[in-house]
Amino acid sequence: MKLMECVPNFSEGRDQRILDAIAAAIRGVKNVALLDVDPGADTNRTVFTMAGEPEAVVEAAFVAIKKAAELIDMTKHHGEHPRMGATDVCPFIPISEMTMDECAEYARKLGKRVGEELGIPVYLYEHAASKEEWRNLATVRSGEYEALATKATDPAWKPDFGPHTFNAKSGATAIGAREFLIAYNINLNTRDKKKAHELALTIRESGKPARDAAGKLLKDEKGNKINTPGLFSNCKAVGWFIEGYDRAQISINLTNYKITPPYAVLDKVRELANAQGIQVTGSELVGLIPKAALLEAGKHYLAKMGESTGLPERMIMETAVQSMGLSELGAFDLDKKVIEFAIAKPESLAALTLTGFCDLLSTDAPAPGGGSVAALLTAMSGALSAMVSNLTIDKKGYEKVQSQVFEYGPLGQSIKERAIFCIDKDTDAFYAMMDAMRLPKKTEAEIALRDAAVEKTTQGAILVPLETLELSLEALQLAEQVAAVGNLNALSDAGVAGLTALAAAKAAWYNILINLSGSTDEAFKTSIKAKAEALIKDCETHAAQIESSVSARLQA
């Protein structure tokens, strides 16, 4: 699922009425979760954190910026934090299945709309910047609000979007795209701040002052101190003493966890600290973390132990929590600390019990239906293949296939997770199509808008089961591989993995066919039907091979 975070900063931290109005505007947008509101009275600034589906996040950002423009008057603003507009900065951050380029494109989309519809000058920064010097936010915001009147007369400061004029009330806004920042602390068994800070200097990107053999600081020809680079890029760190915990910590900001993950820093600090007789007792996550970062950590520690990584995601993440000591200072709740879980809909079909799902399925409710069942069957197939793989790991007589089953387990889990997501995605697509059909159609303009919406949502209701069909083919291919090498005692389970995947494929195919009749786009229909028919043929071929292989091995 594509997920994007947005962290707009508003130049208001004292008037709760204004903050509540901005929050209400965000909450009024579907498929977006407002995760945090952090006001500061001294800075007169509030940081909002929201996440959700990309298009919805862009809409929520726009309505929030619009509400801030209505309620915040920059001519009366005073605060400690640098600022240049009612909405000062608005960055987009990729969370899952999103590229930085996509986030930058959404930043441009929002910037264009803010500039044109609200008349606010917009400057793009960081990964969305239109010129190299504007990548740095400090450069874009130089001179702050007080410099905007002069910038409005300087051609070099023509904004990316909006009028090149001074908007006295709203100022200007910087919109950009950046990586997710993980605020992460490592706990030590010492109260000595200096020891913690020395470790921080060693790991942080900027490093520490270089010294000669006599301990004298080294300087360049201009007299500036020379630094010895630290061990990790995209890592900022400082050592401090926390009275509440009665211990020293290394406080770390990881500005790109894909390059420098938390577990890598923790492992190195453990090594460095141990060499000095210092023990790392645990660590602490401040705020939220993307699921991918915690999964990577869990897989890292499972691999170090020689254990299977083909486990359910929550089990992998619990391994990370335990291995990193993340619950040392307080309970670590995955549902509150992992972004994807924090914004999940509590009423989702995937969260129902088996009884609850089957009960709802058996009623006259229009959804869930066959499309969601197809997705569920695909998930079950992936889960069975993962199970057979795990039952083959470290088993006597299967030494030659260990590298294969270690690979198959995670593949099965991946199919399972993606298919589970499609359970709700299929039902959401159906309801979106129903909503489109209910749109007014009294005037020609209304009819045109309704027809376009119906076609768009009908295609959506076709593409979701097509995605399930593609996943079911993946599940069949995996079941075939697992059936060929898996533990004989679980061979019947590999066979059932093939059967459920084939049933899923045919169920998805039926859902594609029934919705194809609702589309008016002949080229789209021809393309989808041809693709789906080819997929079904492949699925049947693999299913037949699985049945033949399983039957032969079971009767050998």
Protein backbone atom coordinates (compact mmCIF):
# COMPACT_ATOMS: atom_id res chain seq x y z
CA MET A 1 0.00 0.00 0.00
CA LYS A 2 1.31 3.42 -0.93
CA LEU A 3 1.63 5.55 2.20
CA MET A 4 3.01 9.06 2.53
CA GLU A 5 3.59 11.24 5.57
CA CYS A 6 3.25 15.01 5.71
CA VAL A 7 4.61 17.23 8.48
CA PRO A 8 3.35 20.81 7.98
CA ASN A 9 4.64 23.46 10.41
CA PHE A 10 2.26 26.33 11.18
CA SER A 11 3.25 29.69 12.65
CA GLU A 12 0.89 29.45 15.59
CA GLY A 13 1.52 27.74 18.91
CA ARG A 14 -0.59 29.68 21.39
CA ASP A 15 -4.14 29.99 20.09
CA GLN A 16 -5.77 26.58 20.56
CA ARG A 17 -8.82 27.70 18.60
CA ILE A 18 -6.73 28.06 15.45
CA LEU A 19 -4.93 24.75 16.00
CA ASP A 20 -8.23 22.95 16.53
CA ALA A 21 -9.60 24.42 13.30
CA ILE A 22 -6.58 23.23 11.31
CA ALA A 23 -6.82 19.79 12.90
CA ALA A 24 -10.54 19.59 12.05
CA ALA A 25 -9.79 20.44 8.42
CA ILE A 26 -7.30 17.58 8.24
CA ARG A 27 -9.61 15.11 9.97
CA GLY A 28 -12.32 15.97 7.45
CA VAL A 29 -10.34 14.28 4.67
CA LYS A 30 -10.86 10.54 4.15
CA ASN A 31 -7.96 8.09 4.19
CA VAL A 32 -5.70 10.38 6.24
CA ALA A 33 -4.82 9.97 9.91
CA LEU A 34 -3.69 12.92 12.03
CA LEU A 35 -1.02 11.26 14.16
CA ASP A 36 0.30 14.12 16.26
CA VAL A 37 -0.07 17.83 17.03
CA ASP A 38 2.94 19.32 18.82
CA PRO A 39 2.49 23.01 19.76
CA GLY A 40 5.20 25.30 21.17
CA ALA A 41 4.23 28.50 22.95
CA ASP A 42 7.73 30.03 22.99
CA THR A 43 8.37 29.27 19.33
CA ASN A 44 4.73 30.16 18.49
CA ARG A 45 4.80 27.23 16.10
CA THR A 46 3.01 23.88 15.84
CA VAL A 47 4.11 20.75 14.03
CA PHE A 48 1.31 18.55 12.68
CA THR A 49 2.03 14.96 11.60
CA MET A 50 -0.35 13.11 9.31
CA ALA A 51 -0.13 10.09 7.03
CA GLY A 52 -2.24 8.13 4.59
CA GLU A 53 -2.84 7.50 0.91
CA PRO A 54 -0.85 10.01 -1.19
CA GLU A 55 -3.71 11.79 -2.97
CA ALA A 56 -5.61 12.11 0.30
CA VAL A 57 -2.53 13.47 2.10
CA VAL A 58 -2.11 16.13 -0.58
CA GLU A 59 -5.75 17.15 -0.16
CA ALA A 60 -5.40 17.26 3.63
CA ALA A 61 -2.26 19.39 3.33
CA PHE A 62 -4.08 21.83 1.03
CA VAL A 63 -7.12 22.27 3.29
CA ALA A 64 -4.81 22.73 6.29
CA ILE A 65 -2.76 25.39 4.47
CA LYS A 66 -5.98 27.08 3.37
CA LYS A 67 -7.33 27.15 6.93
CA ALA A 68 -4.01 28.49 8.25
CA ALA A 69 -4.11 31.26 5.63
CA GLU A 70 -7.58 32.21 6.82
CA LEU A 71 -6.80 32.29 10.53
CA ILE A 72 -3.11 33.22 10.93
CA ASP A 73 -1.95 36.81 10.37
CA MET A 74 1.81 36.96 9.89
CA THR A 75 1.88 40.74 10.44
CA LYS A 76 1.21 39.99 14.11
CA HIS A 77 3.42 36.92 14.48
CA HIS A 78 6.34 36.73 16.89
CA GLY A 79 8.21 33.62 17.97
CA GLU A 80 11.64 32.12 18.57
CA HIS A 81 11.65 29.73 15.61
CA PRO A 82 12.65 30.87 12.10
CA ARG A 83 9.54 31.35 9.95
CA MET A 84 8.36 32.97 6.75
CA GLY A 85 4.69 32.06 6.43
CA ALA A 86 1.46 31.05 8.12
CA THR A 87 2.29 27.59 6.83
CA ASP A 88 6.05 27.80 7.08
CA VAL A 89 7.12 24.43 5.70
CA CYS A 90 5.23 21.41 4.38
CA PRO A 91 7.38 18.36 3.57
CA PHE A 92 6.18 15.03 2.16
CA ILE A 93 7.93 11.87 3.34
CA PRO A 94 7.73 8.39 1.74
CA ILE A 95 6.57 5.68 4.14
CA SER A 96 5.82 2.55 2.13
CA GLU A 97 5.84 1.68 -1.57
CA MET A 98 6.70 5.32 -2.35
CA THR A 99 9.75 6.77 -4.05
CA MET A 100 11.28 10.13 -3.27
CA ASP A 101 10.58 11.21 -6.83
CA GLU A 102 6.89 10.50 -6.29
CA CYS A 103 6.88 12.58 -3.11
CA ALA A 104 8.62 15.42 -4.95
CA GLU A 105 5.95 15.27 -7.67
CA TYR A 106 3.22 15.49 -5.03
CA ALA A 107 5.05 18.48 -3.53
CA ARG A 108 4.94 20.19 -6.92
CA LYS A 109 1.27 19.32 -7.30
CA LEU A 110 0.44 20.85 -3.92
CA GLY A 111 2.67 23.86 -4.55
CA LYS A 112 0.92 24.64 -7.83
CA ARG A 113 -2.50 24.48 -6.21
CA VAL A 114 -1.48 26.58 -3.20
CA GLY A 115 0.07 29.21 -5.46
CA GLU A 116 -2.83 29.39 -7.89
CA GLU A 117 -5.82 28.99 -5.58
CA LEU A 118 -4.56 30.71 -2.43
CA GLY A 119 -2.22 33.29 -3.93
CA ILE A 120 0.64 32.28 -1.62
CA PRO A 121 4.22 32.30 -2.98
CA VAL A 122 5.58 28.75 -2.84
CA TYR A 123 9.24 27.72 -2.86
CA LEU A 124 10.18 24.08 -3.43
CA TYR A 125 12.99 22.68 -1.27
CA GLU A 126 15.07 19.57 -0.56
CA HIS A 127 14.30 16.75 -3.03
CA ALA A 128 11.61 18.82 -4.78
CA ALA A 129 13.84 21.89 -5.24
CA SER A 130 13.83 23.51 -8.69
CA LYS A 131 17.35 24.87 -8.22
CA GLU A 132 20.29 23.49 -6.29
CA GLU A 133 20.62 26.43 -3.88
CA TRP A 134 17.03 25.98 -2.75
CA ARG A 135 17.58 22.43 -1.56
CA ASN A 136 18.64 23.88 1.79
CA LEU A 137 15.61 25.12 3.72
CA ALA A 138 17.74 27.67 5.57
CA THR A 139 18.59 29.30 2.24
CA VAL A 140 14.96 29.41 1.13
CA ARG A 141 13.94 30.92 4.47
CA SER A 142 16.85 33.36 4.71
CA GLY A 143 15.76 36.70 6.14
CA GLU A 144 12.51 35.03 7.23
CA TYR A 145 9.14 36.78 6.90
CA GLU A 146 10.72 40.23 7.26
CA ALA A 147 12.71 39.73 4.02
CA LEU A 148 9.75 38.74 1.84
CA ALA A 149 8.85 42.29 0.80
CA THR A 150 12.36 42.81 -0.59
CA LYS A 151 12.44 39.36 -2.21
CA ALA A 152 9.20 40.23 -4.00
CA THR A 153 11.15 42.83 -6.02
CA ASP A 154 14.12 40.57 -6.78
CA PRO A 155 13.87 38.40 -9.95
CA ALA A 156 16.20 35.84 -8.35
CA TRP A 157 13.52 35.16 -5.75
CA LYS A 158 10.64 34.50 -8.13
CA PRO A 159 8.74 31.65 -6.43
CA ASP A 160 8.16 28.27 -8.05
CA PHE A 161 4.42 28.79 -7.80
CA GLY A 162 2.11 31.66 -6.91
CA PRO A 163 2.54 35.40 -7.41
CA HIS A 164 5.90 37.10 -7.13
CA THR A 165 4.40 39.58 -4.72
CA PHE A 166 4.45 40.16 -0.97
CA ASN A 167 1.54 38.40 0.74
CA ALA A 168 1.60 40.28 4.03
CA LYS A 169 -0.98 38.13 5.81
CA SER A 170 0.16 34.63 4.80
CA GLY A 171 3.81 35.20 3.90
CA ALA A 172 5.38 32.41 1.82
CA THR A 173 5.47 28.63 2.14
CA ALA A 174 8.23 26.09 1.50
CA ILE A 175 6.94 22.76 0.18
CA GLY A 176 9.27 19.84 -0.33
CA ALA A 177 10.09 16.16 -0.04
CA ARG A 178 12.53 14.55 2.36
CA GLU A 179 13.35 11.23 3.93
CA PHE A 180 11.77 10.06 7.17
CA LEU A 181 13.64 11.20 10.28
CA ILE A 182 13.97 8.63 13.07
CA ALA A 183 14.62 10.06 16.52
CA TYR A 184 16.42 7.30 18.39
CA ASN A 185 18.22 7.18 21.76
CA ILE A 186 20.67 4.57 23.01
CA ASN A 187 20.73 3.97 26.78
CA LEU A 188 23.99 3.43 28.66
CA ASN A 189 24.76 2.05 32.14
CA THR A 190 26.67 5.20 33.05
CA ARG A 191 25.69 8.61 34.38
CA ASP A 192 28.72 10.19 32.72
CA LYS A 193 27.55 12.58 30.00
CA LYS A 194 31.11 12.93 28.64
CA LYS A 195 31.38 9.24 27.88
CA ALA A 196 28.05 9.29 26.07
CA HIS A 197 29.06 12.37 24.09
CA GLU A 198 32.40 10.86 23.09
CA LEU A 199 30.57 7.88 21.63
CA ALA A 200 28.19 10.28 19.89
CA LEU A 201 31.10 12.15 18.31
CA THR A 202 32.51 8.86 17.02
CA ILE A 203 29.33 7.74 15.24
CA ARG A 204 27.84 11.00 13.95
CA GLU A 205 28.49 12.09 10.36
CA SER A 206 30.15 15.38 11.28
CA GLY A 207 32.61 13.49 13.48
CA LYS A 208 34.87 15.18 16.02
CA PRO A 209 37.82 17.59 16.03
CA ALA A 210 41.01 16.00 14.73
CA ARG A 211 44.10 16.06 16.96
CA ASP A 212 47.78 15.35 16.40
CA ALA A 213 49.84 12.81 18.33
CA ALA A 214 50.31 15.31 21.15
CA GLY A 215 46.59 15.89 21.43
CA LYS A 216 46.66 19.35 19.84
CA LEU A 217 43.69 20.37 17.69
CA LEU A 218 44.42 20.34 13.97
CA LYS A 219 43.43 23.36 11.88
CA ASP A 220 43.46 24.18 8.18
CA GLU A 221 45.32 27.09 6.56
CA LYS A 222 42.48 29.46 7.48
CA GLY A 223 42.56 28.49 11.12
CA ASN A 224 39.38 26.44 11.04
CA LYS A 225 39.21 23.23 13.06
CA ILE A 226 39.55 20.03 11.07
CA ASN A 227 37.09 17.28 11.87
CA THR A 228 37.62 13.53 11.67
CA PRO A 229 34.50 12.18 9.92
CA GLY A 230 32.25 9.94 11.99
CA LEU A 231 31.32 6.35 11.20
CA PHE A 232 27.80 6.90 9.86
CA SER A 233 26.37 9.20 7.23
CA ASN A 234 22.89 10.67 7.73
CA CYS A 235 23.48 10.48 11.46
CA LYS A 236 23.38 13.33 13.96
CA ALA A 237 24.19 12.54 17.56
CA VAL A 238 24.90 14.07 20.95
CA GLY A 239 25.49 12.65 24.42
CA TRP A 240 23.44 13.83 27.37
CA PHE A 241 22.33 12.91 30.90
CA ILE A 242 18.61 12.33 31.53
CA GLU A 243 17.64 12.93 35.15
CA GLY A 244 14.32 11.14 34.78
CA TYR A 245 16.11 7.95 33.74
CA ASP A 246 19.19 8.57 35.92
CA ARG A 247 21.48 7.60 33.08
CA ALA A 248 23.35 8.93 30.10
CA GLN A 249 21.99 8.51 26.59
CA ILE A 250 23.23 8.98 23.06
CA SER A 251 20.52 11.03 21.37
CA ILE A 252 20.44 10.33 17.62
CA ASN A 253 18.62 11.68 14.59
CA LEU A 254 18.79 9.37 11.58
CA THR A 255 17.90 11.43 8.52
CA ASN A 256 17.86 8.48 6.10
CA TYR A 257 17.25 5.12 7.76
CA LYS A 258 17.54 3.38 4.38
CA ILE A 259 21.24 4.26 4.35
CA THR A 260 21.91 4.23 8.09
CA PRO A 261 19.40 1.98 9.91
CA PRO A 262 18.99 2.15 13.69
CA TYR A 263 20.15 -1.43 14.27
CA ALA A 264 23.48 -0.77 12.50
CA VAL A 265 24.18 2.21 14.75
CA LEU A 266 23.15 0.25 17.84
CA ASP A 267 25.40 -2.70 16.98
CA LYS A 268 28.40 -0.41 16.49
CA VAL A 269 27.72 1.54 19.70
CA ARG A 270 27.49 -1.75 21.60
CA GLU A 271 30.91 -2.69 20.21
CA LEU A 272 32.50 0.70 20.96
CA ALA A 273 30.95 0.96 24.42
CA ASN A 274 31.94 -2.56 25.39
CA ALA A 275 35.57 -1.78 24.51
CA GLN A 276 35.40 1.01 27.11
CA GLY A 277 33.72 -1.11 29.76
CA ILE A 278 30.35 0.56 29.15
CA GLN A 279 27.18 -1.45 28.63
CA VAL A 280 24.29 -0.56 26.33
CA THR A 281 21.21 -1.42 28.37
CA GLY A 282 18.62 -0.75 25.71
CA SER A 283 17.34 1.93 23.38
CA GLU A 284 14.41 4.26 22.93
CA LEU A 285 12.37 5.35 19.94
CA VAL A 286 11.00 8.89 20.09
CA GLY A 287 7.87 9.21 17.98
CA LEU A 288 6.93 6.74 15.27
CA ILE A 289 8.87 4.52 12.88
CA PRO A 290 8.09 3.09 9.42
CA LYS A 291 7.33 -0.60 9.42
CA ALA A 292 10.14 -1.26 6.95
CA ALA A 293 12.79 0.00 9.37
CA LEU A 294 11.66 -2.30 12.17
CA LEU A 295 11.25 -5.26 9.82
CA GLU A 296 14.78 -4.77 8.52
CA ALA A 297 16.09 -4.76 12.07
CA GLY A 298 14.19 -7.91 13.01
CA LYS A 299 15.42 -9.75 9.92
CA HIS A 300 18.97 -8.64 10.70
CA TYR A 301 18.88 -10.18 14.17
CA LEU A 302 17.07 -13.35 13.02
CA ALA A 303 19.71 -13.84 10.33
CA LYS A 304 22.51 -13.36 12.89
CA MET A 305 20.92 -16.19 14.91
CA GLY A 306 20.61 -18.38 11.81
CA GLU A 307 16.82 -18.41 12.15
CA SER A 308 14.14 -18.13 9.48
CA THR A 309 13.00 -14.68 8.40
CA GLY A 310 9.92 -16.20 6.79
CA LEU A 311 7.80 -15.26 9.80
CA PRO A 312 4.74 -13.02 10.24
CA GLU A 313 5.65 -9.35 10.25
CA ARG A 314 4.68 -8.80 13.87
CA MET A 315 6.90 -11.65 15.02
CA ILE A 316 9.82 -10.18 13.09
CA MET A 317 9.21 -6.75 14.60
CA GLU A 318 8.92 -8.21 18.10
CA THR A 319 12.35 -9.74 17.52
CA ALA A 320 13.62 -6.25 16.70
CA VAL A 321 12.00 -4.78 19.83
CA GLN A 322 13.59 -7.44 22.03
CA SER A 323 16.99 -7.37 20.32
CA MET A 324 17.25 -3.58 20.48
CA GLY A 325 15.86 -3.28 24.01
CA LEU A 326 13.18 -0.85 22.84
CA SER A 327 10.89 -1.63 25.76
CA GLU A 328 13.49 -0.98 28.47
CA LEU A 329 12.16 2.44 29.48
CA GLY A 330 8.49 1.76 28.79
CA ALA A 331 6.11 -0.49 26.93
CA PHE A 332 6.66 -0.56 23.17
CA ASP A 333 3.27 -0.92 21.48
CA LEU A 334 3.62 -1.81 17.80
CA ASP A 335 0.12 -0.52 17.09
CA LYS A 336 1.10 2.92 18.39
CA LYS A 337 4.76 3.15 17.36
CA VAL A 338 4.64 1.76 13.79
CA ILE A 339 3.16 4.29 11.38
CA GLU A 340 1.31 1.79 9.20
CA PHE A 341 -0.37 0.27 12.24
CA ALA A 342 -1.12 3.63 13.85
CA ILE A 343 -3.14 4.78 10.85
CA ALA A 344 -4.83 1.44 10.11
CA LYS A 345 -8.61 1.44 10.04
CA PRO A 346 -9.89 -0.38 13.15
CA GLU A 347 -12.99 -1.50 11.25
CA SER A 348 -11.05 -3.23 8.44
CA LEU A 349 -12.19 -6.62 7.15
CA ALA A 350 -8.69 -8.00 7.63
CA ALA A 351 -8.94 -7.25 11.36
CA LEU A 352 -12.08 -9.38 11.79
CA THR A 353 -12.01 -12.85 13.29
CA LEU A 354 -12.62 -15.74 10.90
CA THR A 355 -16.08 -16.10 12.38
CA GLY A 356 -16.76 -12.38 12.05
CA PHE A 357 -15.63 -12.31 8.42
CA CYS A 358 -17.69 -15.36 7.47
CA ASP A 359 -20.72 -14.02 9.34
CA LEU A 360 -20.55 -10.69 7.50
CA LEU A 361 -19.93 -12.50 4.22
CA SER A 362 -23.11 -14.53 4.75
CA THR A 363 -25.40 -11.50 5.14
CA ASP A 364 -27.10 -9.37 2.51
CA ALA A 365 -24.40 -6.70 2.85
CA PRO A 366 -23.07 -5.86 -0.64
CA ALA A 367 -19.50 -6.35 0.55
CA PRO A 368 -17.32 -8.23 1.26
CA GLY A 369 -17.86 -10.54 -1.66
CA GLY A 370 -16.02 -12.85 -3.98
CA GLY A 371 -13.18 -10.40 -4.61
CA SER A 372 -12.28 -10.24 -0.93
CA VAL A 373 -12.57 -14.02 -0.67
CA ALA A 374 -10.18 -14.38 -3.61
CA ALA A 375 -7.67 -12.20 -1.78
CA LEU A 376 -8.11 -14.21 1.43
CA LEU A 377 -7.52 -17.48 -0.42
CA THR A 378 -4.33 -16.04 -1.94
CA ALA A 379 -3.14 -15.00 1.51
CA MET A 380 -3.81 -18.50 2.84
CA SER A 381 -1.83 -20.03 -0.02
CA GLY A 382 1.16 -17.81 0.71
CA ALA A 383 0.90 -18.65 4.41
CA LEU A 384 0.86 -22.40 3.71
CA SER A 385 3.97 -22.16 1.51
CA ALA A 386 5.73 -20.20 4.26
CA MET A 387 4.70 -22.86 6.79
CA VAL A 388 6.05 -25.75 4.72
CA SER A 389 9.29 -23.82 4.19
CA ASN A 390 9.70 -23.22 7.91
CA LEU A 391 8.97 -26.90 8.64
CA THR A 392 11.82 -27.83 6.28
CA ILE A 393 14.44 -25.55 7.83
CA ASP A 394 17.08 -27.39 9.89
CA LYS A 395 15.40 -30.76 9.28
CA LYS A 396 17.49 -33.87 8.81
CA GLY A 397 17.51 -35.12 5.24
CA TYR A 398 16.87 -31.67 3.78
CA GLU A 399 20.38 -30.24 4.10
CA LYS A 400 20.72 -29.69 0.33
CA VAL A 401 17.64 -27.45 0.05
CA GLN A 402 18.24 -25.16 3.03
CA SER A 403 19.19 -22.14 0.94
CA GLN A 404 15.98 -22.55 -1.05
CA VAL A 405 13.58 -22.89 1.87
CA PHE A 406 15.21 -19.97 3.68
CA GLU A 407 14.28 -17.96 0.58
CA TYR A 408 10.79 -19.41 0.10
CA GLY A 409 9.55 -18.56 3.60
CA PRO A 410 9.85 -14.77 3.23
CA LEU A 411 8.31 -14.98 -0.26
CA GLY A 412 5.27 -16.72 1.19
CA GLN A 413 4.94 -14.09 3.90
CA SER A 414 5.19 -11.33 1.30
CA ILE A 415 2.39 -12.86 -0.78
CA LYS A 416 0.31 -13.26 2.36
CA GLU A 417 0.74 -9.64 3.46
CA ARG A 418 0.02 -8.17 0.02
CA ALA A 419 -3.04 -10.36 -0.40
CA ILE A 420 -4.41 -9.47 3.03
CA PHE A 421 -4.26 -5.83 2.00
CA CYS A 422 -6.32 -6.67 -1.08
CA ILE A 423 -9.16 -8.02 1.12
CA ASP A 424 -10.12 -4.48 2.12
CA LYS A 425 -8.89 -2.92 -1.12
CA ASP A 426 -11.43 -4.94 -3.10
CA THR A 427 -14.31 -3.89 -0.86
CA ASP A 428 -13.17 -0.26 -0.87
CA ALA A 429 -13.10 -0.33 -4.68
CA PHE A 430 -16.67 -1.68 -4.75
CA TYR A 431 -17.96 1.03 -2.40
CA ALA A 432 -16.16 3.72 -4.41
CA MET A 433 -18.00 2.50 -7.51
CA MET A 434 -21.32 2.60 -5.66
CA ASP A 435 -20.60 6.17 -4.46
CA ALA A 436 -19.90 7.22 -8.04
CA MET A 437 -23.20 5.77 -9.22
CA ARG A 438 -25.04 7.83 -6.60
CA LEU A 439 -23.67 11.14 -7.92
CA PRO A 440 -26.29 13.59 -9.24
CA LYS A 441 -27.18 13.46 -12.95
CA LYS A 442 -29.70 16.24 -13.49
CA THR A 443 -27.60 18.50 -15.71
CA GLU A 444 -25.26 17.76 -18.59
CA ALA A 445 -22.30 18.82 -16.47
CA GLU A 446 -23.38 16.54 -13.62
CA ILE A 447 -23.90 13.66 -16.04
CA ALA A 448 -20.41 14.14 -17.49
CA LEU A 449 -18.81 14.22 -14.03
CA ARG A 450 -20.80 11.17 -12.93
CA ASP A 451 -19.93 9.19 -16.07
CA ALA A 452 -16.23 9.97 -15.60
CA ALA A 453 -16.37 8.95 -11.93
CA VAL A 454 -18.24 5.73 -12.72
CA GLU A 455 -15.71 4.77 -15.39
CA LYS A 456 -12.76 5.56 -13.11
CA THR A 457 -14.13 3.57 -10.18
CA THR A 458 -15.29 0.70 -12.41
CA GLN A 459 -11.75 0.38 -13.71
CA GLY A 460 -10.57 0.45 -10.10
CA ALA A 461 -12.96 -2.40 -9.26
CA ILE A 462 -11.41 -4.36 -12.15
CA LEU A 463 -7.77 -3.60 -11.37
CA VAL A 464 -7.99 -4.83 -7.77
CA PRO A 465 -9.03 -8.42 -8.64
CA LEU A 466 -6.47 -8.28 -11.44
CA GLU A 467 -3.87 -7.54 -8.76
CA THR A 468 -5.19 -10.50 -6.78
CA LEU A 469 -4.98 -12.67 -9.89
CA GLU A 470 -1.34 -11.67 -10.36
CA LEU A 471 -0.66 -12.49 -6.71
CA SER A 472 -2.36 -15.87 -7.05
CA LEU A 473 0.01 -16.72 -9.90
CA GLU A 474 2.94 -15.80 -7.62
CA ALA A 475 1.41 -18.04 -4.95
CA LEU A 476 1.09 -20.96 -7.40
CA GLN A 477 4.67 -20.58 -8.59
CA LEU A 478 5.89 -20.58 -4.99
CA ALA A 479 3.71 -23.55 -4.02
CA GLU A 480 5.17 -25.47 -6.96
CA GLN A 481 8.71 -24.78 -5.77
CA VAL A 482 7.89 -25.62 -2.16
CA ALA A 483 6.11 -28.84 -3.16
CA ALA A 484 9.24 -29.97 -5.01
CA VAL A 485 11.64 -29.67 -2.05
CA GLY A 486 9.55 -29.25 1.09
CA ASN A 487 9.25 -31.55 4.08
CA LEU A 488 7.36 -34.70 3.05
CA ASN A 489 5.44 -34.59 6.33
CA ALA A 490 3.90 -31.27 5.20
CA LEU A 491 3.57 -32.10 1.51
CA SER A 492 -0.22 -32.12 1.64
CA ASP A 493 -0.05 -28.52 2.88
CA ALA A 494 1.96 -27.55 -0.20
CA GLY A 495 -0.76 -29.20 -2.29
CA VAL A 496 -3.45 -27.22 -0.49
CA ALA A 497 -1.42 -24.06 -1.14
CA GLY A 498 -1.75 -24.84 -4.84
CA LEU A 499 -5.46 -25.57 -4.63
CA THR A 500 -6.31 -22.39 -2.72
CA ALA A 501 -4.22 -20.28 -5.10
CA LEU A 502 -6.02 -21.75 -8.11
CA ALA A 503 -9.40 -21.12 -6.49
CA ALA A 504 -8.28 -17.57 -5.77
CA ALA A 505 -7.23 -17.06 -9.37
CA LYS A 506 -10.55 -18.22 -10.75
CA ALA A 507 -12.48 -16.19 -8.19
CA ALA A 508 -10.53 -13.08 -9.16
CA TRP A 509 -11.15 -13.85 -12.84
CA TYR A 510 -14.92 -14.00 -12.22
CA ASN A 511 -14.79 -10.61 -10.50
CA ILE A 512 -12.88 -9.11 -13.40
CA LEU A 513 -15.45 -10.43 -15.88
CA ILE A 514 -18.50 -9.16 -14.02
CA ASN A 515 -17.06 -5.66 -13.72
CA LEU A 516 -15.71 -5.48 -17.28
CA SER A 517 -19.27 -5.13 -18.55
CA GLY A 518 -19.59 -1.86 -16.66
CA SER A 519 -16.65 -0.17 -18.41
CA THR A 520 -17.16 1.89 -21.56
CA ASP A 521 -13.46 2.02 -22.42
CA GLU A 522 -13.14 -0.65 -25.11
CA ALA A 523 -9.35 -0.43 -25.33
CA PHE A 524 -9.06 -0.87 -21.55
CA LYS A 525 -11.47 -3.83 -21.59
CA THR A 526 -9.64 -5.59 -24.43
CA SER A 527 -6.27 -5.11 -22.76
CA ILE A 528 -7.40 -6.29 -19.32
CA LYS A 529 -9.26 -9.31 -20.65
CA ALA A 530 -6.27 -10.45 -22.69
CA LYS A 531 -3.94 -10.03 -19.73
CA ALA A 532 -6.28 -11.84 -17.33
CA GLU A 533 -6.83 -14.75 -19.74
CA ALA A 534 -3.07 -15.20 -20.08
CA LEU A 535 -2.69 -15.15 -16.28
CA ILE A 536 -5.44 -17.75 -15.82
CA LYS A 537 -3.79 -20.02 -18.35
CA ASP A 538 -0.46 -19.76 -16.50
CA CYS A 539 -2.21 -20.41 -13.19
CA GLU A 540 -3.85 -23.58 -14.49
CA THR A 541 -0.54 -24.84 -15.88
CA HIS A 542 1.23 -24.40 -12.54
CA ALA A 543 -1.71 -25.85 -10.60
CA ALA A 544 -1.64 -28.98 -12.74
CA GLN A 545 2.09 -29.35 -12.16
CA ILE A 546 1.64 -29.00 -8.39
CA GLU A 547 -1.11 -31.63 -8.33
CA SER A 548 1.00 -34.02 -10.34
CA SER A 549 4.11 -33.45 -8.21
CA VAL A 550 2.31 -33.70 -4.87
CA SER A 551 0.36 -36.81 -5.87
CA ALA A 552 3.53 -38.53 -7.08
CA ARG A 553 5.53 -37.70 -3.93
CA LEU A 554 2.69 -38.68 -1.59
CA GLN A 555 2.28 -42.07 -3.28
CA ALA A 556 5.99 -42.78 -3.73
